[in-house]
Amino acid sequence: MTRIYQKKLATALKSAPVVPVMVIENVKDAVPLARALVSGGLPVLEITLRTDAALEAIRAIVAEVEGAIIGSGTVLTPQQLRESRKAGCSFAVSPGSTGKLLGAAEDEEDIELLPGGVTPSECMALLEWGYTIQKFFPAEPAGGTKYLSSLASPLPQIKFCPTGGITPELAPNYLKLANVITIGGSWMIPKALIAVGDWAGIENLARQAASLK
């Protein structure tokens, strides 16, 4: 019997129109970067597990940034899911899904999974597991808003978090879709601003993203 997933995640994702997708190379940047994003109105943060600094960055943000709701990204294995939970993440994001990852998520009480589905079959399979919120990745290469809107009629139970290739200009088109709960993006955290520690500049970009409709 499948249990009900994503109760807390649903509430979190509704709190802001954009989830910053963060690739943190240096742990020293983690806390000021997260504070800038939260202060700008984007409290739900996805830190991808693509760097050696990722888990340590997550632990630092969880410990020091008030109001942040932290998730890990690019979670591919049960081990990464467990590591994310131990680091303090409340959710984990995967670009797709596997039986092993979904099975591991059933055993985890303190972290909720946002798995990826693109084709109707993938989305239906995740729905059978109990996942009514799914990542749609890579959003633009996979067909963008036209493709995503076409899934709404046959699969009205599913809300999506599209990520991948979304720009500030494209974002409003996604947010207008009935089957989109929020979007993921990284345009508000440009590497150039991180490199010089321009946290005020990042906060301003976050504030602009938070105002999208």
C-alpha atoms as a PDB file:
ATOM      1  CA  MET A   1       0.000   0.000   0.000  1.00  0.00           C
ATOM      2  CA  THR A   2       1.466   3.336  -1.015  1.00  0.00           C
ATOM      3  CA  ARG A   3       1.498   6.081   1.560  1.00  0.00           C
ATOM      4  CA  ILE A   4       0.632   9.696   0.912  1.00  0.00           C
ATOM      5  CA  TYR A   5       3.705  11.547  -0.273  1.00  0.00           C
ATOM      6  CA  GLN A   6       4.690  15.175  -0.524  1.00  0.00           C
ATOM      7  CA  LYS A   7       2.360  16.735   2.067  1.00  0.00           C
ATOM      8  CA  LYS A   8       4.950  19.227   3.292  1.00  0.00           C
ATOM      9  CA  LEU A   9       6.501  19.619  -0.138  1.00  0.00           C
ATOM     10  CA  ALA A  10       3.218  20.744  -1.668  1.00  0.00           C
ATOM     11  CA  THR A  11       2.899  23.522   0.889  1.00  0.00           C
ATOM     12  CA  ALA A  12       6.533  24.564   0.434  1.00  0.00           C
ATOM     13  CA  LEU A  13       6.405  24.718  -3.357  1.00  0.00           C
ATOM     14  CA  LYS A  14       3.325  26.929  -3.252  1.00  0.00           C
ATOM     15  CA  SER A  15       5.178  29.503  -1.138  1.00  0.00           C
ATOM     16  CA  ALA A  16       7.105  31.063  -4.046  1.00  0.00           C
ATOM     17  CA  PRO A  17       6.881  31.030  -7.852  1.00  0.00           C
ATOM     18  CA  VAL A  18      10.504  29.975  -8.323  1.00  0.00           C
ATOM     19  CA  VAL A  19      12.829  27.457  -6.666  1.00  0.00           C
ATOM     20  CA  PRO A  20      16.473  28.489  -7.146  1.00  0.00           C
ATOM     21  CA  VAL A  21      18.512  25.550  -8.437  1.00  0.00           C
ATOM     22  CA  MET A  22      21.949  26.021  -6.891  1.00  0.00           C
ATOM     23  CA  VAL A  23      25.319  24.547  -7.838  1.00  0.00           C
ATOM     24  CA  ILE A  24      27.619  25.497  -4.957  1.00  0.00           C
ATOM     25  CA  GLU A  25      31.331  25.135  -5.640  1.00  0.00           C
ATOM     26  CA  ASN A  26      32.642  26.722  -2.409  1.00  0.00           C
ATOM     27  CA  VAL A  27      31.127  26.138   1.013  1.00  0.00           C
ATOM     28  CA  LYS A  28      31.981  29.709   2.051  1.00  0.00           C
ATOM     29  CA  ASP A  29      29.412  30.980  -0.455  1.00  0.00           C
ATOM     30  CA  ALA A  30      26.586  28.774   0.797  1.00  0.00           C
ATOM     31  CA  VAL A  31      25.236  30.751   3.750  1.00  0.00           C
ATOM     32  CA  PRO A  32      25.428  34.290   2.297  1.00  0.00           C
ATOM     33  CA  LEU A  33      23.970  33.044  -0.992  1.00  0.00           C
ATOM     34  CA  ALA A  34      21.077  31.315   0.749  1.00  0.00           C
ATOM     35  CA  ARG A  35      20.432  34.342   2.962  1.00  0.00           C
ATOM     36  CA  ALA A  36      20.269  36.604  -0.089  1.00  0.00           C
ATOM     37  CA  LEU A  37      17.747  34.332  -1.789  1.00  0.00           C
ATOM     38  CA  VAL A  38      15.561  33.958   1.293  1.00  0.00           C
ATOM     39  CA  SER A  39      15.680  37.703   1.946  1.00  0.00           C
ATOM     40  CA  GLY A  40      14.619  38.252  -1.657  1.00  0.00           C
ATOM     41  CA  GLY A  41      11.507  36.126  -1.167  1.00  0.00           C
ATOM     42  CA  LEU A  42      12.648  32.708  -2.385  1.00  0.00           C
ATOM     43  CA  PRO A  43      12.732  30.449   0.708  1.00  0.00           C
ATOM     44  CA  VAL A  44      12.675  27.057  -1.041  1.00  0.00           C
ATOM     45  CA  LEU A  45      16.184  26.174  -2.206  1.00  0.00           C
ATOM     46  CA  GLU A  46      17.479  23.216  -4.202  1.00  0.00           C
ATOM     47  CA  ILE A  47      21.197  22.503  -3.770  1.00  0.00           C
ATOM     48  CA  THR A  48      22.307  20.038  -6.411  1.00  0.00           C
ATOM     49  CA  LEU A  49      24.627  17.183  -5.481  1.00  0.00           C
ATOM     50  CA  ARG A  50      26.920  17.927  -8.420  1.00  0.00           C
ATOM     51  CA  THR A  51      29.876  19.219  -6.423  1.00  0.00           C
ATOM     52  CA  ASP A  52      32.041  17.944  -3.595  1.00  0.00           C
ATOM     53  CA  ALA A  53      30.906  20.925  -1.512  1.00  0.00           C
ATOM     54  CA  ALA A  54      27.184  20.205  -1.808  1.00  0.00           C
ATOM     55  CA  LEU A  55      26.465  18.232   1.360  1.00  0.00           C
ATOM     56  CA  GLU A  56      28.603  20.448   3.553  1.00  0.00           C
ATOM     57  CA  ALA A  57      26.897  23.489   2.030  1.00  0.00           C
ATOM     58  CA  ILE A  58      23.501  21.984   2.818  1.00  0.00           C
ATOM     59  CA  ARG A  59      24.468  21.374   6.441  1.00  0.00           C
ATOM     60  CA  ALA A  60      25.704  24.957   6.788  1.00  0.00           C
ATOM     61  CA  ILE A  61      22.534  26.445   5.325  1.00  0.00           C
ATOM     62  CA  VAL A  62      20.281  24.245   7.440  1.00  0.00           C
ATOM     63  CA  ALA A  63      22.160  25.330  10.572  1.00  0.00           C
ATOM     64  CA  GLU A  64      22.497  29.036   9.839  1.00  0.00           C
ATOM     65  CA  VAL A  65      19.815  30.352   7.476  1.00  0.00           C
ATOM     66  CA  GLU A  66      16.516  31.013   9.182  1.00  0.00           C
ATOM     67  CA  GLY A  67      13.442  30.528   7.032  1.00  0.00           C
ATOM     68  CA  ALA A  68      15.138  28.415   4.381  1.00  0.00           C
ATOM     69  CA  ILE A  69      13.461  25.205   3.203  1.00  0.00           C
ATOM     70  CA  ILE A  70      16.277  23.059   1.895  1.00  0.00           C
ATOM     71  CA  GLY A  71      16.240  20.312  -0.670  1.00  0.00           C
ATOM     72  CA  SER A  72      18.939  18.422  -2.507  1.00  0.00           C
ATOM     73  CA  GLY A  73      18.966  18.095  -6.276  1.00  0.00           C
ATOM     74  CA  THR A  74      20.258  15.635  -8.866  1.00  0.00           C
ATOM     75  CA  VAL A  75      19.514  12.811  -6.446  1.00  0.00           C
ATOM     76  CA  LEU A  76      20.058   9.603  -8.402  1.00  0.00           C
ATOM     77  CA  THR A  77      20.558   6.851  -5.804  1.00  0.00           C
ATOM     78  CA  PRO A  78      19.166   5.634  -2.477  1.00  0.00           C
ATOM     79  CA  GLN A  79      22.504   6.513  -0.857  1.00  0.00           C
ATOM     80  CA  GLN A  80      22.226  10.131  -2.007  1.00  0.00           C
ATOM     81  CA  LEU A  81      18.673  10.238  -0.665  1.00  0.00           C
ATOM     82  CA  ARG A  82      19.851   9.016   2.733  1.00  0.00           C
ATOM     83  CA  GLU A  83      22.782  11.440   2.745  1.00  0.00           C
ATOM     84  CA  SER A  84      20.403  14.281   1.940  1.00  0.00           C
ATOM     85  CA  ARG A  85      18.140  13.365   4.833  1.00  0.00           C
ATOM     86  CA  LYS A  86      21.089  13.133   7.225  1.00  0.00           C
ATOM     87  CA  ALA A  87      22.326  16.551   6.061  1.00  0.00           C
ATOM     88  CA  GLY A  88      18.977  18.069   7.036  1.00  0.00           C
ATOM     89  CA  CYS A  89      17.104  18.299   3.733  1.00  0.00           C
ATOM     90  CA  SER A  90      13.318  18.254   3.904  1.00  0.00           C
ATOM     91  CA  PHE A  91      13.012  17.203   0.272  1.00  0.00           C
ATOM     92  CA  ALA A  92      15.061  15.738  -2.566  1.00  0.00           C
ATOM     93  CA  VAL A  93      14.732  16.277  -6.312  1.00  0.00           C
ATOM     94  CA  SER A  94      15.544  13.724  -9.006  1.00  0.00           C
ATOM     95  CA  PRO A  95      15.598  14.358 -12.773  1.00  0.00           C
ATOM     96  CA  GLY A  96      13.806  11.052 -13.266  1.00  0.00           C
ATOM     97  CA  SER A  97      13.059   7.950 -11.230  1.00  0.00           C
ATOM     98  CA  THR A  98      14.123   4.359 -10.713  1.00  0.00           C
ATOM     99  CA  GLY A  99      12.553   1.523  -8.790  1.00  0.00           C
ATOM    100  CA  LYS A 100      15.420   1.548  -6.302  1.00  0.00           C
ATOM    101  CA  LEU A 101      15.091   5.276  -5.633  1.00  0.00           C
ATOM    102  CA  LEU A 102      11.316   5.136  -5.245  1.00  0.00           C
ATOM    103  CA  GLY A 103      11.633   2.110  -2.975  1.00  0.00           C
ATOM    104  CA  ALA A 104      14.169   3.924  -0.800  1.00  0.00           C
ATOM    105  CA  ALA A 105      11.852   6.928  -0.566  1.00  0.00           C
ATOM    106  CA  GLU A 106       9.145   4.675   0.882  1.00  0.00           C
ATOM    107  CA  ASP A 107      11.453   3.929   3.814  1.00  0.00           C
ATOM    108  CA  GLU A 108      12.259   7.590   4.535  1.00  0.00           C
ATOM    109  CA  GLU A 109       9.895   9.445   6.854  1.00  0.00           C
ATOM    110  CA  ASP A 110      11.755  12.752   7.154  1.00  0.00           C
ATOM    111  CA  ILE A 111      12.468  13.621   3.531  1.00  0.00           C
ATOM    112  CA  GLU A 112      10.053  13.877   0.615  1.00  0.00           C
ATOM    113  CA  LEU A 113      10.954  13.081  -2.975  1.00  0.00           C
ATOM    114  CA  LEU A 114      10.189  15.170  -6.062  1.00  0.00           C
ATOM    115  CA  PRO A 115      10.837  12.689  -8.906  1.00  0.00           C
ATOM    116  CA  GLY A 116      10.927  13.589 -12.586  1.00  0.00           C
ATOM    117  CA  GLY A 117       8.459  12.536 -15.238  1.00  0.00           C
ATOM    118  CA  VAL A 118       8.169  13.694 -18.856  1.00  0.00           C
ATOM    119  CA  THR A 119       6.287  11.133 -20.931  1.00  0.00           C
ATOM    120  CA  PRO A 120       2.693  10.151 -20.087  1.00  0.00           C
ATOM    121  CA  SER A 121       3.903   6.662 -19.174  1.00  0.00           C
ATOM    122  CA  GLU A 122       6.561   8.000 -16.786  1.00  0.00           C
ATOM    123  CA  CYS A 123       4.056  10.340 -15.179  1.00  0.00           C
ATOM    124  CA  MET A 124       1.451   7.594 -14.822  1.00  0.00           C
ATOM    125  CA  ALA A 125       4.001   5.241 -13.266  1.00  0.00           C
ATOM    126  CA  LEU A 126       4.900   7.872 -10.664  1.00  0.00           C
ATOM    127  CA  LEU A 127       1.223   8.495 -10.034  1.00  0.00           C
ATOM    128  CA  GLU A 128       0.817   4.793  -9.214  1.00  0.00           C
ATOM    129  CA  TRP A 129       3.492   5.223  -6.545  1.00  0.00           C
ATOM    130  CA  GLY A 130       1.551   8.144  -5.087  1.00  0.00           C
ATOM    131  CA  TYR A 131       3.461  11.078  -6.545  1.00  0.00           C
ATOM    132  CA  THR A 132       1.039  13.836  -7.521  1.00  0.00           C
ATOM    133  CA  ILE A 133       3.825  16.454  -7.757  1.00  0.00           C
ATOM    134  CA  GLN A 134       6.537  15.732 -10.294  1.00  0.00           C
ATOM    135  CA  LYS A 135       9.540  17.480 -11.771  1.00  0.00           C
ATOM    136  CA  PHE A 136       9.361  18.164 -15.511  1.00  0.00           C
ATOM    137  CA  PHE A 137      12.918  18.121 -16.840  1.00  0.00           C
ATOM    138  CA  PRO A 138      14.443  19.304 -19.094  1.00  0.00           C
ATOM    139  CA  ALA A 139      11.516  21.653 -19.567  1.00  0.00           C
ATOM    140  CA  GLU A 140      12.435  23.621 -22.677  1.00  0.00           C
ATOM    141  CA  PRO A 141      14.189  20.822 -24.620  1.00  0.00           C
ATOM    142  CA  ALA A 142      11.329  18.442 -23.753  1.00  0.00           C
ATOM    143  CA  GLY A 143       8.723  20.654 -25.400  1.00  0.00           C
ATOM    144  CA  GLY A 144       8.177  23.606 -23.099  1.00  0.00           C
ATOM    145  CA  THR A 145       4.796  25.031 -22.197  1.00  0.00           C
ATOM    146  CA  LYS A 146       3.031  23.606 -25.251  1.00  0.00           C
ATOM    147  CA  TYR A 147       3.982  20.052 -24.313  1.00  0.00           C
ATOM    148  CA  LEU A 148       3.380  20.533 -20.604  1.00  0.00           C
ATOM    149  CA  SER A 149      -0.064  22.062 -21.105  1.00  0.00           C
ATOM    150  CA  SER A 150      -1.046  19.053 -23.234  1.00  0.00           C
ATOM    151  CA  LEU A 151      -0.558  16.784 -20.194  1.00  0.00           C
ATOM    152  CA  ALA A 152      -3.123  18.677 -18.123  1.00  0.00           C
ATOM    153  CA  SER A 153      -6.267  17.145 -19.625  1.00  0.00           C
ATOM    154  CA  PRO A 154      -5.318  13.436 -19.485  1.00  0.00           C
ATOM    155  CA  LEU A 155      -3.376  13.794 -16.198  1.00  0.00           C
ATOM    156  CA  PRO A 156      -5.212  16.454 -14.149  1.00  0.00           C
ATOM    157  CA  GLN A 157      -4.069  14.873 -10.865  1.00  0.00           C
ATOM    158  CA  ILE A 158      -0.456  15.878 -11.429  1.00  0.00           C
ATOM    159  CA  LYS A 159       1.186  19.229 -10.693  1.00  0.00           C
ATOM    160  CA  PHE A 160       4.612  19.849 -12.180  1.00  0.00           C
ATOM    161  CA  CYS A 161       7.732  21.773 -11.258  1.00  0.00           C
ATOM    162  CA  PRO A 162       9.321  22.442 -14.665  1.00  0.00           C
ATOM    163  CA  THR A 163      13.078  23.048 -14.673  1.00  0.00           C
ATOM    164  CA  GLY A 164      15.651  23.367 -17.418  1.00  0.00           C
ATOM    165  CA  GLY A 165      16.191  26.219 -19.825  1.00  0.00           C
ATOM    166  CA  ILE A 166      13.616  28.513 -18.215  1.00  0.00           C
ATOM    167  CA  THR A 167      14.476  32.206 -18.366  1.00  0.00           C
ATOM    168  CA  PRO A 168      12.820  35.218 -16.692  1.00  0.00           C
ATOM    169  CA  GLU A 169      11.098  35.910 -20.009  1.00  0.00           C
ATOM    170  CA  LEU A 170       9.721  32.364 -20.317  1.00  0.00           C
ATOM    171  CA  ALA A 171       8.817  31.954 -16.644  1.00  0.00           C
ATOM    172  CA  PRO A 172       5.398  33.702 -16.731  1.00  0.00           C
ATOM    173  CA  ASN A 173       4.244  31.393 -19.535  1.00  0.00           C
ATOM    174  CA  TYR A 174       4.922  28.373 -17.309  1.00  0.00           C
ATOM    175  CA  LEU A 175       3.378  29.912 -14.203  1.00  0.00           C
ATOM    176  CA  LYS A 176       0.109  30.510 -16.069  1.00  0.00           C
ATOM    177  CA  LEU A 177      -0.365  26.770 -16.656  1.00  0.00           C
ATOM    178  CA  ALA A 178      -2.950  25.090 -14.442  1.00  0.00           C
ATOM    179  CA  ASN A 179      -0.711  22.062 -13.899  1.00  0.00           C
ATOM    180  CA  VAL A 180       2.369  24.009 -12.742  1.00  0.00           C
ATOM    181  CA  ILE A 181       2.859  24.439  -9.000  1.00  0.00           C
ATOM    182  CA  THR A 182       6.165  26.368  -9.258  1.00  0.00           C
ATOM    183  CA  ILE A 183       9.213  26.458 -11.515  1.00  0.00           C
ATOM    184  CA  GLY A 184      12.922  25.840 -11.016  1.00  0.00           C
ATOM    185  CA  GLY A 185      15.611  28.159 -12.334  1.00  0.00           C
ATOM    186  CA  SER A 186      19.096  29.512 -11.802  1.00  0.00           C
ATOM    187  CA  TRP A 187      19.054  32.881 -13.544  1.00  0.00           C
ATOM    188  CA  MET A 188      18.876  34.729 -10.211  1.00  0.00           C
ATOM    189  CA  ILE A 189      22.192  33.250  -9.065  1.00  0.00           C
ATOM    190  CA  PRO A 190      24.668  34.114 -11.850  1.00  0.00           C
ATOM    191  CA  LYS A 191      28.192  32.831 -11.312  1.00  0.00           C
ATOM    192  CA  ALA A 192      29.641  36.291 -11.904  1.00  0.00           C
ATOM    193  CA  LEU A 193      27.808  37.746  -8.897  1.00  0.00           C
ATOM    194  CA  ILE A 194      28.705  34.786  -6.697  1.00  0.00           C
ATOM    195  CA  ALA A 195      32.369  35.139  -7.660  1.00  0.00           C
ATOM    196  CA  VAL A 196      32.520  38.731  -6.382  1.00  0.00           C
ATOM    197  CA  GLY A 197      30.215  38.161  -3.410  1.00  0.00           C
ATOM    198  CA  ASP A 198      27.528  40.536  -4.664  1.00  0.00           C
ATOM    199  CA  TRP A 199      24.836  39.205  -2.349  1.00  0.00           C
ATOM    200  CA  ALA A 200      22.792  42.407  -2.614  1.00  0.00           C
ATOM    201  CA  GLY A 201      22.674  41.956  -6.384  1.00  0.00           C
ATOM    202  CA  ILE A 202      21.498  38.372  -5.972  1.00  0.00           C
ATOM    203  CA  GLU A 203      18.880  39.454  -3.432  1.00  0.00           C
ATOM    204  CA  ASN A 204      17.559  41.957  -5.967  1.00  0.00           C
ATOM    205  CA  LEU A 205      17.348  39.292  -8.674  1.00  0.00           C
ATOM    206  CA  ALA A 206      15.591  36.981  -6.208  1.00  0.00           C
ATOM    207  CA  ARG A 207      13.075  39.707  -5.394  1.00  0.00           C
ATOM    208  CA  GLN A 208      12.321  40.126  -9.091  1.00  0.00           C
ATOM    209  CA  ALA A 209      11.839  36.362  -9.459  1.00  0.00           C
ATOM    210  CA  ALA A 210       9.609  36.236  -6.390  1.00  0.00           C
ATOM    211  CA  SER A 211       7.294  38.791  -7.994  1.00  0.00           C
ATOM    212  CA  LEU A 212       6.668  36.709 -11.113  1.00  0.00           C
ATOM    213  CA  LYS A 213       3.128  35.604 -11.829  1.00  0.00           C
END
